[in-house]
N, C-alpha and C. Protein backbone atom coordinates (compact mmCIF):
# COMPACT_ATOMS: atom_id res chain seq x y z
N MET A 1 81.62 -68.15 15.53
CA MET A 1 82.20 -67.61 14.35
C MET A 1 81.17 -66.69 13.71
N ALA A 2 81.56 -65.57 13.35
CA ALA A 2 80.68 -64.58 12.75
C ALA A 2 80.50 -64.87 11.28
N GLN A 3 79.25 -64.69 10.82
CA GLN A 3 78.98 -64.90 9.39
C GLN A 3 79.04 -63.55 8.68
N ALA A 4 79.50 -63.59 7.47
CA ALA A 4 79.56 -62.36 6.67
C ALA A 4 78.19 -62.09 6.08
N VAL A 5 77.76 -60.88 6.22
CA VAL A 5 76.47 -60.47 5.68
C VAL A 5 76.73 -59.78 4.35
N SER A 6 76.00 -60.21 3.33
CA SER A 6 76.19 -59.63 2.00
C SER A 6 75.54 -58.26 1.95
N ALA A 7 76.27 -57.33 1.47
CA ALA A 7 75.77 -55.96 1.36
C ALA A 7 75.38 -55.65 -0.07
N SER A 8 75.27 -56.65 -0.90
CA SER A 8 74.92 -56.39 -2.29
C SER A 8 73.43 -56.09 -2.42
N ILE A 9 73.09 -55.14 -3.26
CA ILE A 9 71.70 -54.74 -3.47
C ILE A 9 71.35 -55.08 -4.92
N THR A 10 70.29 -55.81 -5.03
CA THR A 10 69.83 -56.13 -6.38
C THR A 10 68.72 -55.16 -6.76
N ARG A 11 68.38 -55.14 -8.05
CA ARG A 11 67.27 -54.29 -8.49
C ARG A 11 65.98 -54.66 -7.78
N ARG A 12 65.78 -55.96 -7.61
CA ARG A 12 64.55 -56.45 -6.97
C ARG A 12 64.45 -55.93 -5.53
N THR A 13 65.52 -55.97 -4.78
CA THR A 13 65.45 -55.51 -3.39
C THR A 13 65.33 -54.00 -3.33
N LEU A 14 65.94 -53.31 -4.27
CA LEU A 14 65.82 -51.85 -4.32
C LEU A 14 64.38 -51.43 -4.62
N VAL A 15 63.76 -52.05 -5.60
CA VAL A 15 62.38 -51.73 -5.95
C VAL A 15 61.45 -52.07 -4.79
N ALA A 16 61.68 -53.22 -4.16
CA ALA A 16 60.84 -53.61 -3.02
C ALA A 16 60.98 -52.60 -1.88
N GLY A 17 62.21 -52.17 -1.63
CA GLY A 17 62.43 -51.19 -0.56
C GLY A 17 61.77 -49.85 -0.87
N LEU A 18 61.89 -49.41 -2.12
CA LEU A 18 61.24 -48.16 -2.51
C LEU A 18 59.73 -48.27 -2.40
N ALA A 19 59.17 -49.39 -2.80
CA ALA A 19 57.72 -49.58 -2.73
C ALA A 19 57.24 -49.49 -1.31
N VAL A 20 57.96 -50.10 -0.40
CA VAL A 20 57.59 -50.06 1.01
C VAL A 20 57.69 -48.63 1.54
N THR A 21 58.67 -47.88 1.06
CA THR A 21 58.86 -46.51 1.52
C THR A 21 57.85 -45.56 0.89
N VAL A 22 57.57 -45.71 -0.40
CA VAL A 22 56.72 -44.77 -1.14
C VAL A 22 55.23 -45.03 -0.91
N ALA A 23 54.82 -46.26 -0.68
CA ALA A 23 53.40 -46.59 -0.54
C ALA A 23 52.68 -45.73 0.50
N PRO A 24 53.23 -45.57 1.70
CA PRO A 24 52.52 -44.72 2.67
C PRO A 24 52.42 -43.27 2.21
N MET A 25 53.43 -42.79 1.49
CA MET A 25 53.37 -41.41 0.99
C MET A 25 52.29 -41.27 -0.07
N ALA A 26 52.12 -42.29 -0.90
CA ALA A 26 51.07 -42.25 -1.93
C ALA A 26 49.69 -42.22 -1.29
N VAL A 27 49.53 -43.01 -0.23
CA VAL A 27 48.24 -43.00 0.47
C VAL A 27 47.98 -41.63 1.07
N LEU A 28 49.00 -41.02 1.65
CA LEU A 28 48.84 -39.68 2.21
C LEU A 28 48.52 -38.66 1.12
N ALA A 29 49.15 -38.78 -0.03
CA ALA A 29 48.89 -37.86 -1.14
C ALA A 29 47.46 -37.97 -1.62
N VAL A 30 46.95 -39.19 -1.74
CA VAL A 30 45.56 -39.40 -2.16
C VAL A 30 44.61 -38.79 -1.13
N ALA A 31 44.91 -39.03 0.14
CA ALA A 31 44.06 -38.47 1.20
C ALA A 31 44.10 -36.95 1.18
N HIS A 32 45.29 -36.38 0.95
CA HIS A 32 45.42 -34.92 0.89
C HIS A 32 44.63 -34.35 -0.28
N ASN A 33 44.72 -35.01 -1.45
CA ASN A 33 43.97 -34.54 -2.62
C ASN A 33 42.47 -34.60 -2.38
N ALA A 34 42.00 -35.66 -1.73
CA ALA A 34 40.57 -35.78 -1.43
C ALA A 34 40.13 -34.67 -0.49
N GLN A 35 40.97 -34.37 0.51
CA GLN A 35 40.64 -33.31 1.45
C GLN A 35 40.67 -31.96 0.74
N ALA A 36 41.62 -31.76 -0.15
CA ALA A 36 41.72 -30.50 -0.89
C ALA A 36 40.48 -30.28 -1.73
N LYS A 37 39.97 -31.34 -2.35
CA LYS A 37 38.75 -31.21 -3.16
C LYS A 37 37.57 -30.83 -2.29
N GLN A 38 37.53 -31.32 -1.06
CA GLN A 38 36.43 -31.00 -0.16
C GLN A 38 36.49 -29.56 0.30
N THR A 39 37.69 -29.01 0.46
CA THR A 39 37.81 -27.65 0.97
C THR A 39 37.91 -26.61 -0.15
N THR A 40 38.16 -27.03 -1.40
CA THR A 40 38.21 -26.09 -2.51
C THR A 40 36.78 -25.66 -2.85
N PRO A 41 36.50 -24.37 -2.74
CA PRO A 41 35.13 -23.93 -3.02
C PRO A 41 34.76 -24.13 -4.49
N GLU A 42 33.51 -24.53 -4.69
CA GLU A 42 33.01 -24.69 -6.05
C GLU A 42 32.88 -23.30 -6.67
N LYS A 43 33.10 -23.22 -7.97
CA LYS A 43 32.95 -21.94 -8.65
C LYS A 43 31.49 -21.49 -8.56
N SER A 44 31.30 -20.19 -8.47
CA SER A 44 29.95 -19.63 -8.44
C SER A 44 29.29 -19.82 -9.80
N LEU A 45 27.97 -19.72 -9.82
CA LEU A 45 27.25 -19.78 -11.08
C LEU A 45 27.73 -18.67 -12.00
N TYR A 46 27.98 -17.51 -11.46
CA TYR A 46 28.50 -16.38 -12.23
C TYR A 46 29.78 -16.79 -12.97
N GLU A 47 30.71 -17.42 -12.27
CA GLU A 47 31.96 -17.86 -12.89
C GLU A 47 31.71 -18.94 -13.93
N ARG A 48 30.83 -19.89 -13.61
CA ARG A 48 30.55 -20.99 -14.53
C ARG A 48 29.83 -20.51 -15.79
N LEU A 49 29.10 -19.41 -15.68
CA LEU A 49 28.43 -18.84 -16.86
C LEU A 49 29.41 -18.06 -17.73
N GLY A 50 30.56 -17.72 -17.21
CA GLY A 50 31.56 -17.02 -18.00
C GLY A 50 31.74 -15.57 -17.64
N GLY A 51 31.11 -15.11 -16.57
CA GLY A 51 31.28 -13.74 -16.13
C GLY A 51 30.38 -12.75 -16.85
N VAL A 52 30.64 -11.49 -16.60
CA VAL A 52 29.76 -10.41 -17.06
C VAL A 52 29.62 -10.34 -18.58
N PHE A 53 30.68 -10.61 -19.31
CA PHE A 53 30.59 -10.46 -20.77
C PHE A 53 29.72 -11.54 -21.38
N ALA A 54 29.86 -12.76 -20.90
CA ALA A 54 29.01 -13.86 -21.39
C ALA A 54 27.56 -13.64 -20.97
N ILE A 55 27.36 -13.20 -19.75
CA ILE A 55 26.00 -12.93 -19.26
C ILE A 55 25.36 -11.81 -20.08
N ALA A 56 26.11 -10.76 -20.35
CA ALA A 56 25.58 -9.63 -21.14
C ALA A 56 25.18 -10.08 -22.54
N ALA A 57 25.95 -10.99 -23.14
CA ALA A 57 25.61 -11.49 -24.48
C ALA A 57 24.30 -12.27 -24.44
N VAL A 58 24.13 -13.09 -23.41
CA VAL A 58 22.88 -13.85 -23.27
C VAL A 58 21.70 -12.91 -23.04
N VAL A 59 21.87 -11.94 -22.17
CA VAL A 59 20.80 -10.97 -21.87
C VAL A 59 20.43 -10.19 -23.13
N ASP A 60 21.40 -9.79 -23.91
CA ASP A 60 21.15 -9.04 -25.14
C ASP A 60 20.28 -9.87 -26.09
N HIS A 61 20.67 -11.10 -26.33
CA HIS A 61 19.92 -12.00 -27.23
C HIS A 61 18.52 -12.26 -26.67
N PHE A 62 18.44 -12.56 -25.39
CA PHE A 62 17.17 -12.85 -24.73
C PHE A 62 16.22 -11.65 -24.83
N SER A 63 16.73 -10.47 -24.54
CA SER A 63 15.89 -9.27 -24.54
C SER A 63 15.33 -9.00 -25.93
N ASP A 64 16.14 -9.16 -26.96
CA ASP A 64 15.67 -8.98 -28.33
C ASP A 64 14.63 -10.04 -28.70
N ALA A 65 14.84 -11.27 -28.23
CA ALA A 65 13.88 -12.35 -28.51
C ALA A 65 12.54 -12.10 -27.83
N VAL A 66 12.55 -11.54 -26.63
CA VAL A 66 11.30 -11.24 -25.93
C VAL A 66 10.51 -10.18 -26.70
N VAL A 67 11.19 -9.17 -27.20
CA VAL A 67 10.52 -8.11 -27.97
C VAL A 67 9.80 -8.72 -29.18
N LYS A 68 10.41 -9.69 -29.84
CA LYS A 68 9.84 -10.31 -31.04
C LYS A 68 8.87 -11.45 -30.74
N ASN A 69 8.80 -11.89 -29.50
CA ASN A 69 7.95 -13.02 -29.13
C ASN A 69 6.48 -12.67 -29.34
N LYS A 70 5.73 -13.56 -30.01
CA LYS A 70 4.32 -13.30 -30.34
C LYS A 70 3.43 -13.22 -29.11
N ILE A 71 3.78 -13.91 -28.06
CA ILE A 71 2.91 -13.95 -26.87
C ILE A 71 3.18 -12.80 -25.91
N VAL A 72 4.46 -12.45 -25.73
CA VAL A 72 4.79 -11.43 -24.73
C VAL A 72 5.47 -10.20 -25.32
N GLY A 73 5.64 -10.14 -26.62
CA GLY A 73 6.36 -9.05 -27.26
C GLY A 73 5.47 -8.04 -27.95
N GLN A 74 5.90 -7.60 -29.11
CA GLN A 74 5.23 -6.53 -29.84
C GLN A 74 3.81 -6.86 -30.28
N ARG A 75 3.46 -8.12 -30.40
CA ARG A 75 2.10 -8.50 -30.81
C ARG A 75 1.32 -9.18 -29.68
N SER A 76 1.75 -8.93 -28.46
CA SER A 76 1.11 -9.54 -27.30
C SER A 76 -0.35 -9.10 -27.17
N LYS A 77 -1.18 -9.99 -26.68
CA LYS A 77 -2.57 -9.63 -26.37
C LYS A 77 -2.62 -8.73 -25.13
N ASN A 78 -1.59 -8.79 -24.31
CA ASN A 78 -1.48 -7.94 -23.12
C ASN A 78 -1.10 -6.54 -23.61
N SER A 79 -2.03 -5.60 -23.49
CA SER A 79 -1.81 -4.26 -24.05
C SER A 79 -0.63 -3.55 -23.41
N GLN A 80 -0.37 -3.81 -22.12
CA GLN A 80 0.77 -3.16 -21.46
C GLN A 80 2.10 -3.69 -22.02
N LEU A 81 2.20 -4.99 -22.23
CA LEU A 81 3.42 -5.57 -22.81
C LEU A 81 3.60 -5.11 -24.26
N ARG A 82 2.50 -5.11 -25.01
CA ARG A 82 2.56 -4.68 -26.41
C ARG A 82 3.04 -3.23 -26.49
N LYS A 83 2.50 -2.38 -25.64
CA LYS A 83 2.89 -0.97 -25.62
C LYS A 83 4.37 -0.83 -25.26
N TRP A 84 4.83 -1.55 -24.24
CA TRP A 84 6.23 -1.44 -23.82
C TRP A 84 7.15 -1.85 -24.97
N HIS A 85 6.80 -2.93 -25.66
CA HIS A 85 7.67 -3.47 -26.70
C HIS A 85 7.55 -2.74 -28.04
N THR A 86 6.68 -1.73 -28.11
CA THR A 86 6.60 -0.93 -29.34
C THR A 86 6.94 0.54 -29.08
N LYS A 87 6.48 1.09 -27.95
CA LYS A 87 6.63 2.52 -27.68
C LYS A 87 7.82 2.85 -26.77
N ASN A 88 8.34 1.86 -26.05
CA ASN A 88 9.41 2.13 -25.07
C ASN A 88 10.74 1.49 -25.44
N LEU A 89 10.93 1.15 -26.71
CA LEU A 89 12.17 0.46 -27.09
C LEU A 89 13.42 1.31 -26.88
N GLY A 90 13.26 2.61 -26.75
CA GLY A 90 14.40 3.47 -26.42
C GLY A 90 14.98 3.15 -25.05
N ARG A 91 14.17 2.51 -24.23
CA ARG A 91 14.62 2.13 -22.89
C ARG A 91 15.26 0.74 -22.87
N LEU A 92 15.19 0.02 -24.00
CA LEU A 92 15.69 -1.36 -24.03
C LEU A 92 17.17 -1.48 -23.65
N PRO A 93 18.06 -0.59 -24.12
CA PRO A 93 19.47 -0.71 -23.69
C PRO A 93 19.62 -0.64 -22.16
N GLY A 94 18.88 0.24 -21.53
CA GLY A 94 18.93 0.33 -20.07
C GLY A 94 18.38 -0.92 -19.41
N LEU A 95 17.30 -1.45 -19.97
CA LEU A 95 16.72 -2.68 -19.44
C LEU A 95 17.71 -3.84 -19.56
N LYS A 96 18.41 -3.91 -20.70
CA LYS A 96 19.42 -4.95 -20.88
C LYS A 96 20.51 -4.82 -19.81
N PHE A 97 20.91 -3.58 -19.54
CA PHE A 97 21.92 -3.33 -18.51
C PHE A 97 21.42 -3.79 -17.14
N MET A 98 20.18 -3.42 -16.81
CA MET A 98 19.62 -3.82 -15.51
C MET A 98 19.47 -5.33 -15.42
N ARG A 99 19.03 -5.98 -16.50
CA ARG A 99 18.91 -7.44 -16.49
C ARG A 99 20.27 -8.10 -16.31
N THR A 100 21.29 -7.53 -16.95
CA THR A 100 22.65 -8.07 -16.80
C THR A 100 23.10 -7.96 -15.35
N LEU A 101 22.88 -6.80 -14.74
CA LEU A 101 23.23 -6.64 -13.32
C LEU A 101 22.47 -7.64 -12.46
N TRP A 102 21.19 -7.83 -12.75
CA TRP A 102 20.36 -8.75 -11.96
C TRP A 102 20.93 -10.17 -12.04
N VAL A 103 21.23 -10.64 -13.26
CA VAL A 103 21.76 -12.00 -13.42
C VAL A 103 23.12 -12.11 -12.73
N CYS A 104 23.97 -11.10 -12.89
CA CYS A 104 25.27 -11.13 -12.22
C CYS A 104 25.10 -11.22 -10.71
N ASP A 105 24.17 -10.47 -10.18
CA ASP A 105 23.93 -10.46 -8.74
C ASP A 105 23.40 -11.81 -8.24
N VAL A 106 22.34 -12.30 -8.86
CA VAL A 106 21.73 -13.54 -8.36
C VAL A 106 22.60 -14.77 -8.63
N SER A 107 23.58 -14.65 -9.53
CA SER A 107 24.44 -15.79 -9.82
C SER A 107 25.74 -15.76 -9.00
N GLY A 108 25.86 -14.80 -8.09
CA GLY A 108 27.04 -14.76 -7.22
C GLY A 108 28.18 -13.92 -7.74
N GLY A 109 27.91 -13.05 -8.69
CA GLY A 109 28.96 -12.19 -9.24
C GLY A 109 29.21 -10.97 -8.39
N PRO A 110 30.18 -10.16 -8.79
CA PRO A 110 30.57 -9.00 -8.00
C PRO A 110 29.69 -7.76 -8.22
N PHE A 111 28.79 -7.81 -9.20
CA PHE A 111 27.95 -6.66 -9.50
C PHE A 111 26.63 -6.77 -8.75
N LYS A 112 26.13 -5.65 -8.26
CA LYS A 112 24.91 -5.65 -7.46
C LYS A 112 23.78 -4.92 -8.19
N PHE A 113 22.64 -5.56 -8.19
CA PHE A 113 21.44 -5.00 -8.80
C PHE A 113 20.71 -4.19 -7.74
N THR A 114 20.27 -3.00 -8.10
CA THR A 114 19.42 -2.19 -7.24
C THR A 114 18.21 -1.79 -8.07
N ALA A 115 17.04 -2.13 -7.57
CA ALA A 115 15.81 -1.85 -8.30
C ALA A 115 15.61 -0.36 -8.50
N THR A 116 15.13 0.02 -9.69
CA THR A 116 14.82 1.43 -9.95
C THR A 116 13.54 1.84 -9.23
N LYS A 117 12.68 0.86 -8.98
CA LYS A 117 11.45 1.08 -8.20
C LYS A 117 11.49 0.10 -7.04
N PRO A 118 12.06 0.51 -5.90
CA PRO A 118 12.18 -0.42 -4.77
C PRO A 118 10.83 -0.99 -4.37
N GLY A 119 10.84 -2.28 -4.08
CA GLY A 119 9.63 -2.96 -3.67
C GLY A 119 9.82 -3.61 -2.31
N THR A 120 8.99 -4.57 -2.03
CA THR A 120 9.04 -5.23 -0.72
C THR A 120 10.10 -6.32 -0.66
N THR A 121 10.62 -6.74 -1.80
CA THR A 121 11.66 -7.76 -1.82
C THR A 121 13.00 -7.10 -2.08
N PRO A 122 14.10 -7.78 -1.77
CA PRO A 122 15.42 -7.18 -2.01
C PRO A 122 15.65 -6.77 -3.47
N LEU A 123 15.05 -7.52 -4.41
CA LEU A 123 15.26 -7.19 -5.81
C LEU A 123 14.18 -6.27 -6.37
N GLY A 124 13.08 -6.09 -5.65
CA GLY A 124 12.06 -5.14 -6.05
C GLY A 124 11.38 -5.41 -7.37
N LEU A 125 11.32 -6.66 -7.78
CA LEU A 125 10.77 -6.97 -9.10
C LEU A 125 9.27 -6.74 -9.21
N GLU A 126 8.56 -6.80 -8.11
CA GLU A 126 7.11 -6.63 -8.20
C GLU A 126 6.73 -5.22 -8.64
N GLU A 127 7.44 -4.21 -8.19
CA GLU A 127 7.11 -2.83 -8.58
C GLU A 127 7.52 -2.54 -10.02
N ALA A 128 8.63 -3.08 -10.45
CA ALA A 128 9.10 -2.85 -11.82
C ALA A 128 8.15 -3.48 -12.85
N HIS A 129 7.43 -4.51 -12.44
CA HIS A 129 6.56 -5.23 -13.37
C HIS A 129 5.06 -5.03 -13.11
N ARG A 130 4.71 -4.37 -12.02
CA ARG A 130 3.30 -4.24 -11.61
C ARG A 130 2.41 -3.69 -12.73
N ASP A 131 2.82 -2.60 -13.35
CA ASP A 131 1.98 -1.96 -14.37
C ASP A 131 1.87 -2.78 -15.66
N LEU A 132 2.75 -3.73 -15.85
CA LEU A 132 2.70 -4.57 -17.05
C LEU A 132 1.66 -5.68 -16.93
N ARG A 133 1.22 -5.94 -15.71
CA ARG A 133 0.18 -6.96 -15.45
C ARG A 133 0.50 -8.28 -16.16
N ILE A 134 1.68 -8.78 -15.89
CA ILE A 134 2.15 -10.03 -16.51
C ILE A 134 1.45 -11.22 -15.86
N SER A 135 0.78 -12.00 -16.67
CA SER A 135 0.07 -13.19 -16.17
C SER A 135 1.06 -14.32 -15.92
N PRO A 136 0.67 -15.30 -15.11
CA PRO A 136 1.54 -16.47 -14.93
C PRO A 136 1.89 -17.15 -16.26
N ALA A 137 0.94 -17.22 -17.19
CA ALA A 137 1.21 -17.84 -18.49
C ALA A 137 2.23 -17.01 -19.29
N GLU A 138 2.12 -15.69 -19.21
CA GLU A 138 3.09 -14.82 -19.89
C GLU A 138 4.46 -14.96 -19.26
N PHE A 139 4.50 -15.04 -17.95
CA PHE A 139 5.78 -15.27 -17.27
C PHE A 139 6.41 -16.56 -17.77
N ASP A 140 5.59 -17.60 -17.87
CA ASP A 140 6.09 -18.90 -18.34
C ASP A 140 6.63 -18.81 -19.77
N GLU A 141 6.02 -17.99 -20.60
CA GLU A 141 6.51 -17.82 -21.97
C GLU A 141 7.85 -17.09 -21.97
N VAL A 142 8.00 -16.10 -21.10
CA VAL A 142 9.29 -15.42 -21.00
C VAL A 142 10.35 -16.42 -20.50
N ALA A 143 9.97 -17.28 -19.56
CA ALA A 143 10.89 -18.32 -19.08
C ALA A 143 11.28 -19.26 -20.22
N ALA A 144 10.31 -19.61 -21.05
CA ALA A 144 10.59 -20.48 -22.20
C ALA A 144 11.56 -19.79 -23.16
N GLU A 145 11.38 -18.49 -23.35
CA GLU A 145 12.29 -17.72 -24.21
C GLU A 145 13.70 -17.71 -23.61
N LEU A 146 13.77 -17.59 -22.30
CA LEU A 146 15.07 -17.65 -21.63
C LEU A 146 15.72 -19.03 -21.85
N GLY A 147 14.93 -20.08 -21.72
CA GLY A 147 15.45 -21.42 -21.96
C GLY A 147 15.97 -21.59 -23.38
N ARG A 148 15.24 -21.06 -24.35
CA ARG A 148 15.69 -21.13 -25.75
C ARG A 148 16.99 -20.35 -25.95
N THR A 149 17.11 -19.22 -25.28
CA THR A 149 18.33 -18.42 -25.38
C THR A 149 19.51 -19.16 -24.76
N LEU A 150 19.30 -19.78 -23.62
CA LEU A 150 20.38 -20.54 -22.98
C LEU A 150 20.81 -21.70 -23.86
N ASP A 151 19.84 -22.33 -24.52
CA ASP A 151 20.17 -23.40 -25.47
C ASP A 151 20.96 -22.86 -26.66
N PHE A 152 20.57 -21.69 -27.16
CA PHE A 152 21.27 -21.06 -28.28
C PHE A 152 22.76 -20.87 -27.95
N PHE A 153 23.03 -20.48 -26.70
CA PHE A 153 24.41 -20.26 -26.26
C PHE A 153 25.07 -21.52 -25.73
N LYS A 154 24.36 -22.65 -25.83
CA LYS A 154 24.89 -23.94 -25.40
C LYS A 154 25.34 -23.93 -23.93
N VAL A 155 24.54 -23.29 -23.09
CA VAL A 155 24.83 -23.28 -21.65
C VAL A 155 24.61 -24.71 -21.15
N PRO A 156 25.57 -25.28 -20.42
CA PRO A 156 25.44 -26.65 -19.94
C PRO A 156 24.20 -26.84 -19.05
N LYS A 157 23.66 -28.05 -19.06
CA LYS A 157 22.42 -28.34 -18.35
C LYS A 157 22.43 -27.93 -16.88
N PRO A 158 23.49 -28.21 -16.10
CA PRO A 158 23.44 -27.81 -14.69
C PRO A 158 23.31 -26.30 -14.51
N GLU A 159 24.05 -25.54 -15.29
CA GLU A 159 23.99 -24.08 -15.18
C GLU A 159 22.64 -23.57 -15.70
N LYS A 160 22.14 -24.16 -16.78
CA LYS A 160 20.84 -23.77 -17.30
C LYS A 160 19.76 -23.99 -16.23
N ALA A 161 19.82 -25.12 -15.57
CA ALA A 161 18.83 -25.42 -14.52
C ALA A 161 18.90 -24.41 -13.38
N GLU A 162 20.11 -24.00 -13.02
CA GLU A 162 20.26 -23.00 -11.95
C GLU A 162 19.71 -21.64 -12.37
N VAL A 163 19.99 -21.25 -13.61
CA VAL A 163 19.48 -19.96 -14.11
C VAL A 163 17.95 -20.00 -14.14
N MET A 164 17.40 -21.08 -14.66
CA MET A 164 15.94 -21.19 -14.76
C MET A 164 15.30 -21.19 -13.38
N ALA A 165 15.93 -21.84 -12.42
CA ALA A 165 15.39 -21.87 -11.05
C ALA A 165 15.44 -20.47 -10.43
N ALA A 166 16.52 -19.74 -10.66
CA ALA A 166 16.62 -18.37 -10.14
C ALA A 166 15.54 -17.48 -10.75
N PHE A 167 15.28 -17.66 -12.03
CA PHE A 167 14.24 -16.90 -12.71
C PHE A 167 12.87 -17.27 -12.15
N ALA A 168 12.58 -18.56 -12.05
CA ALA A 168 11.27 -19.03 -11.57
C ALA A 168 11.00 -18.61 -10.14
N ALA A 169 12.04 -18.44 -9.35
CA ALA A 169 11.87 -18.06 -7.94
C ALA A 169 11.20 -16.69 -7.78
N HIS A 170 11.17 -15.91 -8.84
CA HIS A 170 10.60 -14.55 -8.77
C HIS A 170 9.27 -14.42 -9.51
N LYS A 171 8.67 -15.54 -9.82
CA LYS A 171 7.40 -15.52 -10.56
C LYS A 171 6.32 -14.75 -9.81
N ASP A 172 6.19 -14.98 -8.52
CA ASP A 172 5.15 -14.29 -7.75
C ASP A 172 5.34 -12.77 -7.75
N GLU A 173 6.59 -12.32 -7.69
CA GLU A 173 6.87 -10.89 -7.71
C GLU A 173 6.49 -10.28 -9.06
N VAL A 174 6.91 -10.95 -10.13
CA VAL A 174 6.69 -10.42 -11.49
C VAL A 174 5.21 -10.42 -11.85
N THR A 175 4.47 -11.39 -11.35
CA THR A 175 3.04 -11.49 -11.68
C THR A 175 2.15 -10.81 -10.64
N ALA A 176 2.71 -10.12 -9.68
CA ALA A 176 1.93 -9.48 -8.61
C ALA A 176 0.91 -8.48 -9.17
N GLY A 177 1.27 -7.72 -10.20
CA GLY A 177 0.35 -6.73 -10.79
C GLY A 177 -0.84 -7.40 -11.44
N TYR A 178 -0.64 -8.52 -12.07
CA TYR A 178 -1.73 -9.28 -12.70
C TYR A 178 -2.68 -9.83 -11.62
N VAL A 179 -2.09 -10.39 -10.59
CA VAL A 179 -2.89 -10.97 -9.50
C VAL A 179 -3.70 -9.89 -8.81
N ALA A 180 -3.09 -8.74 -8.55
CA ALA A 180 -3.79 -7.63 -7.91
C ALA A 180 -4.93 -7.11 -8.78
N ALA A 181 -4.71 -7.03 -10.09
CA ALA A 181 -5.74 -6.55 -11.02
C ALA A 181 -6.91 -7.53 -11.08
N LYS A 182 -6.64 -8.81 -10.99
CA LYS A 182 -7.69 -9.83 -11.01
C LYS A 182 -8.56 -9.74 -9.76
N ARG A 183 -7.91 -9.42 -8.64
CA ARG A 183 -8.66 -9.31 -7.36
C ARG A 183 -9.52 -8.05 -7.34
N GLY A 184 -8.99 -6.99 -7.96
CA GLY A 184 -9.64 -5.68 -7.85
C GLY A 184 -10.72 -5.49 -8.81
């Protein structure tokens, strides 16, 4: 004798059936999201800094602060730096432009810096700074001014660290004129 099978569906059996059906899809979705995060490229430093307009604002503030800095600016003991920051201020807008291009370039942006005085490195910083005879201590003061400027603009710590590292990576180029003068 055949038994009748009940075809009634309760809420409990419906929820249980859906859970069994949906659970594997949820696992696949989580796995897909994890894989997507691995393949999604991280934003460049340029993008995280806010692009050219934000970089230009930082460079503008930084450049003005360097001019006023007692150690490396208008009252510097370094006669070449003192002269530049008092007699060559007409060139400051161009310098700000070049610094903006440099930061955009080294931070992964679409703008490319080309040195006005090509040197032995791709960025040519040693020739642009050779006649200024910037000492390692003066370089460090300019770096400190950059750090203060980044703090002024509330640049997050990871981005600030990357900017400072990019700046520090060129210390030998910027101080090459000082080192050569000491040897000679």
